[in-house]
Amino acid sequence: MNAFIVLTIIVHMIASVGLIVFILLHSGKGTGLSSMLGAALPTTSTGTGIIEKNLDRITIGLSIVFTITLLILMVGYAPSV
């Protein structure tokens, strides 16, 4: 197996676990990490709004990495039979 494919598989696994974690951290109707950490802060300029934006950015970045590594593995990985 190629070293590039092994590295791609490792990055893909990290991205998939990261996606699971960060999707579960998102709030759903007033619950989640953002309301837990920023419950005492207003949502206008600080608090849950900033936390939600950062969670969104990290989740989008991880999903892009996941998609790119998925496409690389689809093209380059051929398991030996």
Protein backbone atom coordinates (compact mmCIF):
# COMPACT_ATOMS: atom_id res chain seq x y z
CA MET A 1 0.00 0.00 0.00
CA ASN A 2 1.21 3.43 -0.94
CA ALA A 3 2.32 5.81 1.85
CA PHE A 4 0.11 8.55 0.37
CA ILE A 5 -2.94 6.30 0.60
CA VAL A 6 -2.12 5.41 4.21
CA LEU A 7 -1.80 9.10 5.07
CA THR A 8 -5.07 9.82 3.26
CA ILE A 9 -6.83 7.06 5.21
CA ILE A 10 -5.53 8.49 8.50
CA VAL A 11 -6.68 12.02 7.59
CA HIS A 12 -10.04 10.60 6.48
CA MET A 13 -10.50 8.81 9.80
CA ILE A 14 -9.62 11.94 11.78
CA ALA A 15 -12.04 14.00 9.69
CA SER A 16 -14.84 11.47 10.15
CA VAL A 17 -14.43 11.32 13.93
CA GLY A 18 -14.17 15.12 14.03
CA LEU A 19 -17.37 15.44 12.02
CA ILE A 20 -19.21 13.17 14.43
CA VAL A 21 -17.99 15.15 17.43
CA PHE A 22 -18.67 18.60 16.01
CA ILE A 23 -22.10 17.70 14.64
CA LEU A 24 -23.06 16.41 18.08
CA LEU A 25 -21.81 19.65 19.65
CA HIS A 26 -24.25 21.74 17.60
CA SER A 27 -27.30 22.95 19.39
CA GLY A 28 -30.77 21.84 18.55
CA LYS A 29 -33.58 24.14 19.73
CA GLY A 30 -31.80 25.65 22.72
CA THR A 31 -29.64 22.76 23.79
CA GLY A 32 -26.09 21.75 23.07
CA LEU A 33 -22.62 23.06 23.76
CA SER A 34 -23.28 26.59 22.55
CA SER A 35 -26.11 27.24 24.98
CA MET A 36 -24.28 25.45 27.78
CA LEU A 37 -21.14 27.57 27.46
CA GLY A 38 -22.75 30.85 26.54
CA ALA A 39 -25.99 30.70 28.50
CA ALA A 40 -25.16 33.77 30.59
CA LEU A 41 -23.95 35.81 27.61
CA PRO A 42 -26.20 37.63 25.16
CA THR A 43 -26.31 36.35 21.58
CA THR A 44 -25.78 39.74 19.91
CA SER A 45 -22.02 40.17 19.76
CA THR A 46 -20.67 37.59 22.19
CA GLY A 47 -21.74 34.26 23.54
CA THR A 48 -23.62 31.58 21.70
CA GLY A 49 -23.57 33.40 18.36
CA ILE A 50 -19.79 33.33 18.17
CA ILE A 51 -19.63 29.75 19.43
CA GLU A 52 -22.18 28.62 16.84
CA LYS A 53 -20.29 30.41 14.04
CA ASN A 54 -17.04 28.72 15.04
CA LEU A 55 -18.74 25.32 15.29
CA ASP A 56 -20.21 25.90 11.83
CA ARG A 57 -16.83 26.86 10.37
CA ILE A 58 -15.07 23.86 11.88
CA THR A 59 -17.83 21.50 10.73
CA ILE A 60 -17.74 22.88 7.19
CA GLY A 61 -13.95 22.60 7.09
CA LEU A 62 -14.05 19.01 8.31
CA SER A 63 -16.73 18.12 5.78
CA ILE A 64 -14.60 19.57 2.97
CA VAL A 65 -11.58 17.56 4.14
CA PHE A 66 -13.77 14.46 4.44
CA THR A 67 -15.10 14.90 0.90
CA ILE A 68 -11.66 15.50 -0.62
CA THR A 69 -10.13 12.49 1.10
CA LEU A 70 -13.14 10.39 0.10
CA LEU A 71 -12.65 11.32 -3.56
CA ILE A 72 -8.90 10.62 -3.35
CA LEU A 73 -9.56 7.22 -1.81
CA MET A 74 -12.18 6.40 -4.43
CA VAL A 75 -9.72 7.11 -7.22
CA GLY A 76 -6.46 5.88 -5.71
CA TYR A 77 -7.26 3.03 -3.35
CA ALA A 78 -7.46 -0.44 -4.83
CA PRO A 79 -7.43 -3.15 -2.14
CA SER A 80 -5.47 -6.26 -2.96
CA VAL A 81 -7.61 -9.33 -3.37
